[in-house]
Every structure is written in structure tokens, then in C-alpha cells.
Amino acid sequence: MELVHLVNLLLCLAIVVLGVMGYRKSRHRLPMSLAAVFGLFALSHGLVLSGLLPDMGVIIISLRVAAYSLVILLLYKYIQVLDVF
């Protein structure tokens, strides 16, 4: 189970780095917003791996709900810009 969290953590951190690089190059907010979302996911995976907080279920769920909510918000804004619906 820890291998899954480690792989997820590493992938999230890679996306954070790429998001920051994309923002620096383009100055568009979307890459930085995605970096922030995956930063929250990375934090949740890091907390699970650390094992510092034995009862951190509420914290993990809160971080992941916040991250998924940001993804929903970003996609909603993107759809509005494209005027798809």
C-alpha cells in the first residue's frame, strides 16, 4: 500500500514542477492552478506516508476534497471560456 502512495506522491510532485515551469514560461494561470491542485494531492500522499498523525482521515479527506473541488472549478471556468454549453 505504501508503494502506491509513494508513486502517487512522485507523480504529483512531477506535475507540480511542470505546472510551475509552464506558468513561468506562459504566465497563464491554468498551469499554476493545476500545480496547486496536485500540490494538495502530494501533501495528502506525503501525510499518509509519514504516518505522523495516526488519525488523519479527516485531514486527508479534506485535502482531497479541496483538490477535487479545484479541479471541478477549473474545468467549469474552462468550459465557460470556450462557451461549449
PDB file of N, CA and C in Angstrom:
ATOM      1  N   MET A   1       0.831  -1.204   0.000  1.00  0.00           N
ATOM      2  CA  MET A   1       0.000   0.000   0.000  1.00  0.00           C
ATOM      3  C   MET A   1       0.871   1.262   0.000  1.00  0.00           C
ATOM      4  N   GLU A   2       2.000   1.214   0.709  1.00  0.00           N
ATOM      5  CA  GLU A   2       2.844   2.405   0.743  1.00  0.00           C
ATOM      6  C   GLU A   2       3.485   2.691  -0.610  1.00  0.00           C
ATOM      7  N   LEU A   3       3.730   1.646  -1.403  1.00  0.00           N
ATOM      8  CA  LEU A   3       4.306   1.857  -2.724  1.00  0.00           C
ATOM      9  C   LEU A   3       3.360   2.688  -3.592  1.00  0.00           C
ATOM     10  N   VAL A   4       2.072   2.440  -3.469  1.00  0.00           N
ATOM     11  CA  VAL A   4       1.081   3.202  -4.233  1.00  0.00           C
ATOM     12  C   VAL A   4       1.140   4.678  -3.838  1.00  0.00           C
ATOM     13  N   HIS A   5       1.219   4.945  -2.545  1.00  0.00           N
ATOM     14  CA  HIS A   5       1.282   6.338  -2.087  1.00  0.00           C
ATOM     15  C   HIS A   5       2.590   7.004  -2.525  1.00  0.00           C
ATOM     16  N   LEU A   6       3.676   6.253  -2.509  1.00  0.00           N
ATOM     17  CA  LEU A   6       4.962   6.801  -2.935  1.00  0.00           C
ATOM     18  C   LEU A   6       4.932   7.149  -4.423  1.00  0.00           C
ATOM     19  N   VAL A   7       4.406   6.252  -5.237  1.00  0.00           N
ATOM     20  CA  VAL A   7       4.313   6.518  -6.679  1.00  0.00           C
ATOM     21  C   VAL A   7       3.408   7.720  -6.926  1.00  0.00           C
ATOM     22  N   ASN A   8       2.259   7.762  -6.246  1.00  0.00           N
ATOM     23  CA  ASN A   8       1.353   8.905  -6.397  1.00  0.00           C
ATOM     24  C   ASN A   8       2.025  10.205  -5.978  1.00  0.00           C
ATOM     25  N   LEU A   9       2.771  10.175  -4.882  1.00  0.00           N
ATOM     26  CA  LEU A   9       3.484  11.365  -4.415  1.00  0.00           C
ATOM     27  C   LEU A   9       4.476  11.845  -5.464  1.00  0.00           C
ATOM     28  N   LEU A  10       5.255  10.937  -6.010  1.00  0.00           N
ATOM     29  CA  LEU A  10       6.258  11.316  -7.009  1.00  0.00           C
ATOM     30  C   LEU A  10       5.612  11.874  -8.276  1.00  0.00           C
ATOM     31  N   LEU A  11       4.528  11.253  -8.716  1.00  0.00           N
ATOM     32  CA  LEU A  11       3.834  11.750  -9.906  1.00  0.00           C
ATOM     33  C   LEU A  11       3.217  13.128  -9.652  1.00  0.00           C
ATOM     34  N   CYS A  12       2.640  13.309  -8.477  1.00  0.00           N
ATOM     35  CA  CYS A  12       2.072  14.621  -8.135  1.00  0.00           C
ATOM     36  C   CYS A  12       3.153  15.693  -8.115  1.00  0.00           C
ATOM     37  N   LEU A  13       4.300  15.361  -7.536  1.00  0.00           N
ATOM     38  CA  LEU A  13       5.394  16.339  -7.484  1.00  0.00           C
ATOM     39  C   LEU A  13       5.911  16.672  -8.882  1.00  0.00           C
ATOM     40  N   ALA A  14       5.945  15.681  -9.766  1.00  0.00           N
ATOM     41  CA  ALA A  14       6.355  15.939 -11.150  1.00  0.00           C
ATOM     42  C   ALA A  14       5.379  16.906 -11.817  1.00  0.00           C
ATOM     43  N   ILE A  15       4.086  16.720 -11.566  1.00  0.00           N
ATOM     44  CA  ILE A  15       3.083  17.615 -12.147  1.00  0.00           C
ATOM     45  C   ILE A  15       3.199  19.012 -11.555  1.00  0.00           C
ATOM     46  N   VAL A  16       3.507  19.105 -10.271  1.00  0.00           N
ATOM     47  CA  VAL A  16       3.707  20.421  -9.648  1.00  0.00           C
ATOM     48  C   VAL A  16       4.868  21.150 -10.318  1.00  0.00           C
ATOM     49  N   VAL A  17       5.973  20.449 -10.504  1.00  0.00           N
ATOM     50  CA  VAL A  17       7.142  21.071 -11.139  1.00  0.00           C
ATOM     51  C   VAL A  17       6.809  21.516 -12.560  1.00  0.00           C
ATOM     52  N   LEU A  18       6.167  20.654 -13.322  1.00  0.00           N
ATOM     53  CA  LEU A  18       5.803  21.007 -14.696  1.00  0.00           C
ATOM     54  C   LEU A  18       4.808  22.159 -14.735  1.00  0.00           C
ATOM     55  N   GLY A  19       3.877  22.189 -13.783  1.00  0.00           N
ATOM     56  CA  GLY A  19       2.918  23.291 -13.717  1.00  0.00           C
ATOM     57  C   GLY A  19       3.588  24.623 -13.442  1.00  0.00           C
ATOM     58  N   VAL A  20       4.540  24.616 -12.524  1.00  0.00           N
ATOM     59  CA  VAL A  20       5.277  25.847 -12.218  1.00  0.00           C
ATOM     60  C   VAL A  20       6.106  26.278 -13.430  1.00  0.00           C
ATOM     61  N   MET A  21       6.747  25.322 -14.067  1.00  0.00           N
ATOM     62  CA  MET A  21       7.537  25.649 -15.266  1.00  0.00           C
ATOM     63  C   MET A  21       6.634  26.193 -16.376  1.00  0.00           C
ATOM     64  N   GLY A  22       5.473  25.571 -16.550  1.00  0.00           N
ATOM     65  CA  GLY A  22       4.533  26.044 -17.560  1.00  0.00           C
ATOM     66  C   GLY A  22       4.044  27.450 -17.273  1.00  0.00           C
ATOM     67  N   TYR A  23       3.808  27.741 -15.999  1.00  0.00           N
ATOM     68  CA  TYR A  23       3.372  29.090 -15.631  1.00  0.00           C
ATOM     69  C   TYR A  23       4.475  30.110 -15.904  1.00  0.00           C
ATOM     70  N   ARG A  24       5.692  29.765 -15.513  1.00  0.00           N
ATOM     71  CA  ARG A  24       6.810  30.698 -15.735  1.00  0.00           C
ATOM     72  C   ARG A  24       7.010  31.009 -17.212  1.00  0.00           C
ATOM     73  N   LYS A  25       6.793  30.007 -18.045  1.00  0.00           N
ATOM     74  CA  LYS A  25       7.007  30.206 -19.475  1.00  0.00           C
ATOM     75  C   LYS A  25       5.842  30.952 -20.133  1.00  0.00           C
ATOM     76  N   SER A  26       4.604  30.630 -19.728  1.00  0.00           N
ATOM     77  CA  SER A  26       3.442  31.182 -20.423  1.00  0.00           C
ATOM     78  C   SER A  26       2.760  32.326 -19.679  1.00  0.00           C
ATOM     79  N   ARG A  27       2.944  32.375 -18.367  1.00  0.00           N
ATOM     80  CA  ARG A  27       2.240  33.342 -17.499  1.00  0.00           C
ATOM     81  C   ARG A  27       0.731  33.118 -17.511  1.00  0.00           C
ATOM     82  N   HIS A  28       0.290  31.953 -17.959  1.00  0.00           N
ATOM     83  CA  HIS A  28      -1.121  31.587 -17.882  1.00  0.00           C
ATOM     84  C   HIS A  28      -1.366  30.990 -16.505  1.00  0.00           C
ATOM     85  N   ARG A  29      -2.535  31.238 -15.961  1.00  0.00           N
ATOM     86  CA  ARG A  29      -2.843  30.773 -14.609  1.00  0.00           C
ATOM     87  C   ARG A  29      -3.157  29.284 -14.546  1.00  0.00           C
ATOM     88  N   LEU A  30      -3.596  28.689 -15.633  1.00  0.00           N
ATOM     89  CA  LEU A  30      -4.005  27.288 -15.602  1.00  0.00           C
ATOM     90  C   LEU A  30      -2.890  26.343 -15.134  1.00  0.00           C
ATOM     91  N   PRO A  31      -1.670  26.433 -15.674  1.00  0.00           N
ATOM     92  CA  PRO A  31      -0.627  25.520 -15.188  1.00  0.00           C
ATOM     93  C   PRO A  31      -0.344  25.684 -13.692  1.00  0.00           C
ATOM     94  N   MET A  32      -0.378  26.920 -13.198  1.00  0.00           N
ATOM     95  CA  MET A  32      -0.128  27.139 -11.770  1.00  0.00           C
ATOM     96  C   MET A  32      -1.293  26.616 -10.933  1.00  0.00           C
ATOM     97  N   SER A  33      -2.503  26.753 -11.439  1.00  0.00           N
ATOM     98  CA  SER A  33      -3.665  26.226 -10.728  1.00  0.00           C
ATOM     99  C   SER A  33      -3.597  24.705 -10.638  1.00  0.00           C
ATOM    100  N   LEU A  34      -3.213  24.072 -11.736  1.00  0.00           N
ATOM    101  CA  LEU A  34      -3.055  22.617 -11.715  1.00  0.00           C
ATOM    102  C   LEU A  34      -1.927  22.195 -10.780  1.00  0.00           C
ATOM    103  N   ALA A  35      -0.864  22.978 -10.740  1.00  0.00           N
ATOM    104  CA  ALA A  35       0.227  22.699  -9.808  1.00  0.00           C
ATOM    105  C   ALA A  35      -0.279  22.768  -8.367  1.00  0.00           C
ATOM    106  N   ALA A  36      -1.118  23.739  -8.070  1.00  0.00           N
ATOM    107  CA  ALA A  36      -1.669  23.862  -6.717  1.00  0.00           C
ATOM    108  C   ALA A  36      -2.547  22.660  -6.370  1.00  0.00           C
ATOM    109  N   VAL A  37      -3.370  22.238  -7.317  1.00  0.00           N
ATOM    110  CA  VAL A  37      -4.239  21.073  -7.092  1.00  0.00           C
ATOM    111  C   VAL A  37      -3.396  19.843  -6.787  1.00  0.00           C
ATOM    112  N   PHE A  38      -2.400  19.594  -7.628  1.00  0.00           N
ATOM    113  CA  PHE A  38      -1.590  18.404  -7.420  1.00  0.00           C
ATOM    114  C   PHE A  38      -0.654  18.557  -6.227  1.00  0.00           C
ATOM    115  N   GLY A  39      -0.385  19.790  -5.824  1.00  0.00           N
ATOM    116  CA  GLY A  39       0.333  20.015  -4.571  1.00  0.00           C
ATOM    117  C   GLY A  39      -0.484  19.541  -3.383  1.00  0.00           C
ATOM    118  N   LEU A  40      -1.802  19.784  -3.432  1.00  0.00           N
ATOM    119  CA  LEU A  40      -2.681  19.285  -2.364  1.00  0.00           C
ATOM    120  C   LEU A  40      -2.710  17.757  -2.345  1.00  0.00           C
ATOM    121  N   PHE A  41      -2.786  17.159  -3.530  1.00  0.00           N
ATOM    122  CA  PHE A  41      -2.741  15.695  -3.589  1.00  0.00           C
ATOM    123  C   PHE A  41      -1.399  15.172  -3.058  1.00  0.00           C
ATOM    124  N   ALA A  42      -0.306  15.828  -3.424  1.00  0.00           N
ATOM    125  CA  ALA A  42       1.019  15.416  -2.940  1.00  0.00           C
ATOM    126  C   ALA A  42       1.093  15.515  -1.427  1.00  0.00           C
ATOM    127  N   LEU A  43       0.538  16.585  -0.878  1.00  0.00           N
ATOM    128  CA  LEU A  43       0.533  16.758   0.575  1.00  0.00           C
ATOM    129  C   LEU A  43      -0.232  15.617   1.245  1.00  0.00           C
ATOM    130  N   SER A  44      -1.371  15.248   0.685  1.00  0.00           N
ATOM    131  CA  SER A  44      -2.146  14.154   1.287  1.00  0.00           C
ATOM    132  C   SER A  44      -1.373  12.835   1.225  1.00  0.00           C
ATOM    133  N   HIS A  45      -0.713  12.575   0.107  1.00  0.00           N
ATOM    134  CA  HIS A  45       0.078  11.338  -0.003  1.00  0.00           C
ATOM    135  C   HIS A  45       1.280  11.382   0.940  1.00  0.00           C
ATOM    136  N   GLY A  46       1.896  12.541   1.062  1.00  0.00           N
ATOM    137  CA  GLY A  46       3.025  12.685   1.980  1.00  0.00           C
ATOM    138  C   GLY A  46       2.620  12.459   3.427  1.00  0.00           C
ATOM    139  N   LEU A  47       1.457  12.967   3.802  1.00  0.00           N
ATOM    140  CA  LEU A  47       0.971  12.750   5.173  1.00  0.00           C
ATOM    141  C   LEU A  47       0.713  11.277   5.446  1.00  0.00           C
ATOM    142  N   VAL A  48       0.143  10.594   4.473  1.00  0.00           N
ATOM    143  CA  VAL A  48      -0.106   9.163   4.647  1.00  0.00           C
ATOM    144  C   VAL A  48       1.219   8.424   4.808  1.00  0.00           C
ATOM    145  N   LEU A  49       2.192   8.755   3.975  1.00  0.00           N
ATOM    146  CA  LEU A  49       3.496   8.085   4.043  1.00  0.00           C
ATOM    147  C   LEU A  49       4.235   8.383   5.336  1.00  0.00           C
ATOM    148  N   SER A  50       4.082   9.602   5.852  1.00  0.00           N
ATOM    149  CA  SER A  50       4.818   9.981   7.062  1.00  0.00           C
ATOM    150  C   SER A  50       4.328   9.223   8.285  1.00  0.00           C
ATOM    151  N   GLY A  51       3.036   8.949   8.329  1.00  0.00           N
ATOM    152  CA  GLY A  51       2.485   8.250   9.482  1.00  0.00           C
ATOM    153  C   GLY A  51       2.551   9.053  10.767  1.00  0.00           C
ATOM    154  N   LEU A  52       2.795  10.356  10.664  1.00  0.00           N
ATOM    155  CA  LEU A  52       2.927  11.205  11.850  1.00  0.00           C
ATOM    156  C   LEU A  52       1.619  11.346  12.614  1.00  0.00           C
ATOM    157  N   LEU A  53       0.537  11.395  11.885  1.00  0.00           N
ATOM    158  CA  LEU A  53      -0.764  11.563  12.526  1.00  0.00           C
ATOM    159  C   LEU A  53      -1.541  10.256  12.398  1.00  0.00           C
ATOM    160  N   PRO A  54      -1.733   9.551  13.503  1.00  0.00           N
ATOM    161  CA  PRO A  54      -2.402   8.257  13.403  1.00  0.00           C
ATOM    162  C   PRO A  54      -3.853   8.349  12.925  1.00  0.00           C
ATOM    163  N   ASP A  55      -4.557   9.364  13.351  1.00  0.00           N
ATOM    164  CA  ASP A  55      -5.959   9.521  12.960  1.00  0.00           C
ATOM    165  C   ASP A  55      -6.111  10.745  12.069  1.00  0.00           C
ATOM    166  N   MET A  56      -5.586  10.651  10.866  1.00  0.00           N
ATOM    167  CA  MET A  56      -5.619  11.811   9.980  1.00  0.00           C
ATOM    168  C   MET A  56      -6.596  11.654   8.836  1.00  0.00           C
ATOM    169  N   GLY A  57      -7.561  10.759   8.991  1.00  0.00           N
ATOM    170  CA  GLY A  57      -8.531  10.530   7.937  1.00  0.00           C
ATOM    171  C   GLY A  57      -9.268  11.787   7.530  1.00  0.00           C
ATOM    172  N   VAL A  58      -9.663  12.595   8.502  1.00  0.00           N
ATOM    173  CA  VAL A  58     -10.404  13.822   8.204  1.00  0.00           C
ATOM    174  C   VAL A  58      -9.515  14.805   7.449  1.00  0.00           C
ATOM    175  N   ILE A  59      -8.253  14.889   7.814  1.00  0.00           N
ATOM    176  CA  ILE A  59      -7.323  15.799   7.143  1.00  0.00           C
ATOM    177  C   ILE A  59      -7.105  15.357   5.695  1.00  0.00           C
ATOM    178  N   ILE A  60      -6.881  14.057   5.506  1.00  0.00           N
ATOM    179  CA  ILE A  60      -6.652  13.523   4.164  1.00  0.00           C
ATOM    180  C   ILE A  60      -7.878  13.753   3.293  1.00  0.00           C
ATOM    181  N   ILE A  61      -9.044  13.438   3.823  1.00  0.00           N
ATOM    182  CA  ILE A  61     -10.272  13.625   3.050  1.00  0.00           C
ATOM    183  C   ILE A  61     -10.473  15.095   2.714  1.00  0.00           C
ATOM    184  N   SER A  62     -10.208  15.972   3.681  1.00  0.00           N
ATOM    185  CA  SER A  62     -10.369  17.411   3.447  1.00  0.00           C
ATOM    186  C   SER A  62      -9.445  17.906   2.338  1.00  0.00           C
ATOM    187  N   LEU A  63      -8.190  17.466   2.366  1.00  0.00           N
ATOM    188  CA  LEU A  63      -7.237  17.873   1.322  1.00  0.00           C
ATOM    189  C   LEU A  63      -7.686  17.382  -0.052  1.00  0.00           C
ATOM    190  N   ARG A  64      -8.129  16.160  -0.111  1.00  0.00           N
ATOM    191  CA  ARG A  64      -8.528  15.590  -1.401  1.00  0.00           C
ATOM    192  C   ARG A  64      -9.826  16.201  -1.909  1.00  0.00           C
ATOM    193  N   VAL A  65     -10.758  16.482  -1.014  1.00  0.00           N
ATOM    194  CA  VAL A  65     -11.994  17.152  -1.432  1.00  0.00           C
ATOM    195  C   VAL A  65     -11.673  18.549  -1.949  1.00  0.00           C
ATOM    196  N   ALA A  66     -10.768  19.252  -1.279  1.00  0.00           N
ATOM    197  CA  ALA A  66     -10.359  20.586  -1.742  1.00  0.00           C
ATOM    198  C   ALA A  66      -9.725  20.497  -3.130  1.00  0.00           C
ATOM    199  N   ALA A  67      -8.861  19.508  -3.327  1.00  0.00           N
ATOM    200  CA  ALA A  67      -8.191  19.357  -4.620  1.00  0.00           C
ATOM    201  C   ALA A  67      -9.193  19.020  -5.723  1.00  0.00           C
ATOM    202  N   TYR A  68     -10.072  18.070  -5.466  1.00  0.00           N
ATOM    203  CA  TYR A  68     -11.070  17.725  -6.478  1.00  0.00           C
ATOM    204  C   TYR A  68     -12.007  18.897  -6.751  1.00  0.00           C
ATOM    205  N   SER A  69     -12.336  19.660  -5.726  1.00  0.00           N
ATOM    206  CA  SER A  69     -13.192  20.837  -5.912  1.00  0.00           C
ATOM    207  C   SER A  69     -12.512  21.864  -6.811  1.00  0.00           C
ATOM    208  N   LEU A  70     -11.220  22.034  -6.635  1.00  0.00           N
ATOM    209  CA  LEU A  70     -10.479  22.955  -7.503  1.00  0.00           C
ATOM    210  C   LEU A  70     -10.459  22.465  -8.944  1.00  0.00           C
ATOM    211  N   VAL A  71     -10.320  21.159  -9.137  1.00  0.00           N
ATOM    212  CA  VAL A  71     -10.364  20.609 -10.498  1.00  0.00           C
ATOM    213  C   VAL A  71     -11.726  20.894 -11.129  1.00  0.00           C
ATOM    214  N   ILE A  72     -12.795  20.680 -10.372  1.00  0.00           N
ATOM    215  CA  ILE A  72     -14.143  20.952 -10.878  1.00  0.00           C
ATOM    216  C   ILE A  72     -14.279  22.428 -11.233  1.00  0.00           C
ATOM    217  N   LEU A  73     -13.793  23.299 -10.369  1.00  0.00           N
ATOM    218  CA  LEU A  73     -13.859  24.736 -10.624  1.00  0.00           C
ATOM    219  C   LEU A  73     -13.069  25.115 -11.874  1.00  0.00           C
ATOM    220  N   LEU A  74     -11.872  24.583 -12.020  1.00  0.00           N
ATOM    221  CA  LEU A  74     -11.044  24.887 -13.191  1.00  0.00           C
ATOM    222  C   LEU A  74     -11.726  24.429 -14.473  1.00  0.00           C
ATOM    223  N   LEU A  75     -12.272  23.234 -14.453  1.00  0.00           N
ATOM    224  CA  LEU A  75     -12.960  22.739 -15.646  1.00  0.00           C
ATOM    225  C   LEU A  75     -14.208  23.556 -15.950  1.00  0.00           C
ATOM    226  N   TYR A  76     -14.931  23.955 -14.923  1.00  0.00           N
ATOM    227  CA  TYR A  76     -16.113  24.789 -15.119  1.00  0.00           C
ATOM    228  C   TYR A  76     -15.732  26.120 -15.764  1.00  0.00           C
ATOM    229  N   LYS A  77     -14.667  26.738 -15.257  1.00  0.00           N
ATOM    230  CA  LYS A  77     -14.211  28.005 -15.836  1.00  0.00           C
ATOM    231  C   LYS A  77     -13.746  27.821 -17.271  1.00  0.00           C
ATOM    232  N   TYR A  78     -13.071  26.712 -17.542  1.00  0.00           N
ATOM    233  CA  TYR A  78     -12.575  26.436 -18.885  1.00  0.00           C
ATOM    234  C   TYR A  78     -13.740  26.266 -19.862  1.00  0.00           C
ATOM    235  N   ILE A  79     -14.775  25.551 -19.429  1.00  0.00           N
ATOM    236  CA  ILE A  79     -15.951  25.353 -20.274  1.00  0.00           C
ATOM    237  C   ILE A  79     -16.638  26.688 -20.550  1.00  0.00           C
ATOM    238  N   GLN A  80     -16.693  27.564 -19.551  1.00  0.00           N
ATOM    239  CA  GLN A  80     -17.306  28.877 -19.741  1.00  0.00           C
ATOM    240  C   GLN A  80     -16.530  29.698 -20.780  1.00  0.00           C
ATOM    241  N   VAL A  81     -15.212  29.629 -20.726  1.00  0.00           N
ATOM    242  CA  VAL A  81     -14.383  30.383 -21.669  1.00  0.00           C
ATOM    243  C   VAL A  81     -14.612  29.883 -23.088  1.00  0.00           C
ATOM    244  N   LEU A  82     -14.758  28.581 -23.236  1.00  0.00           N
ATOM    245  CA  LEU A  82     -14.964  28.010 -24.565  1.00  0.00           C
ATOM    246  C   LEU A  82     -16.392  28.184 -25.042  1.00  0.00           C
ATOM    247  N   ASP A  83     -17.282  28.489 -24.122  1.00  0.00           N
ATOM    248  CA  ASP A  83     -18.702  28.662 -24.444  1.00  0.00           C
ATOM    249  C   ASP A  83     -19.248  27.413 -25.136  1.00  0.00           C
ATOM    250  N   VAL A  84     -18.927  26.251 -24.546  1.00  0.00           N
ATOM    251  CA  VAL A  84     -19.317  24.960 -25.102  1.00  0.00           C
ATOM    252  C   VAL A  84     -20.792  24.674 -24.822  1.00  0.00           C
ATOM    253  N   PHE A  85     -21.232  24.997 -23.611  1.00  0.00           N
ATOM    254  CA  PHE A  85     -22.612  24.654 -23.216  1.00  0.00           C
ATOM    255  C   PHE A  85     -23.462  25.879 -23.154  1.00  0.00           C
TER     256      PHE A  85
END
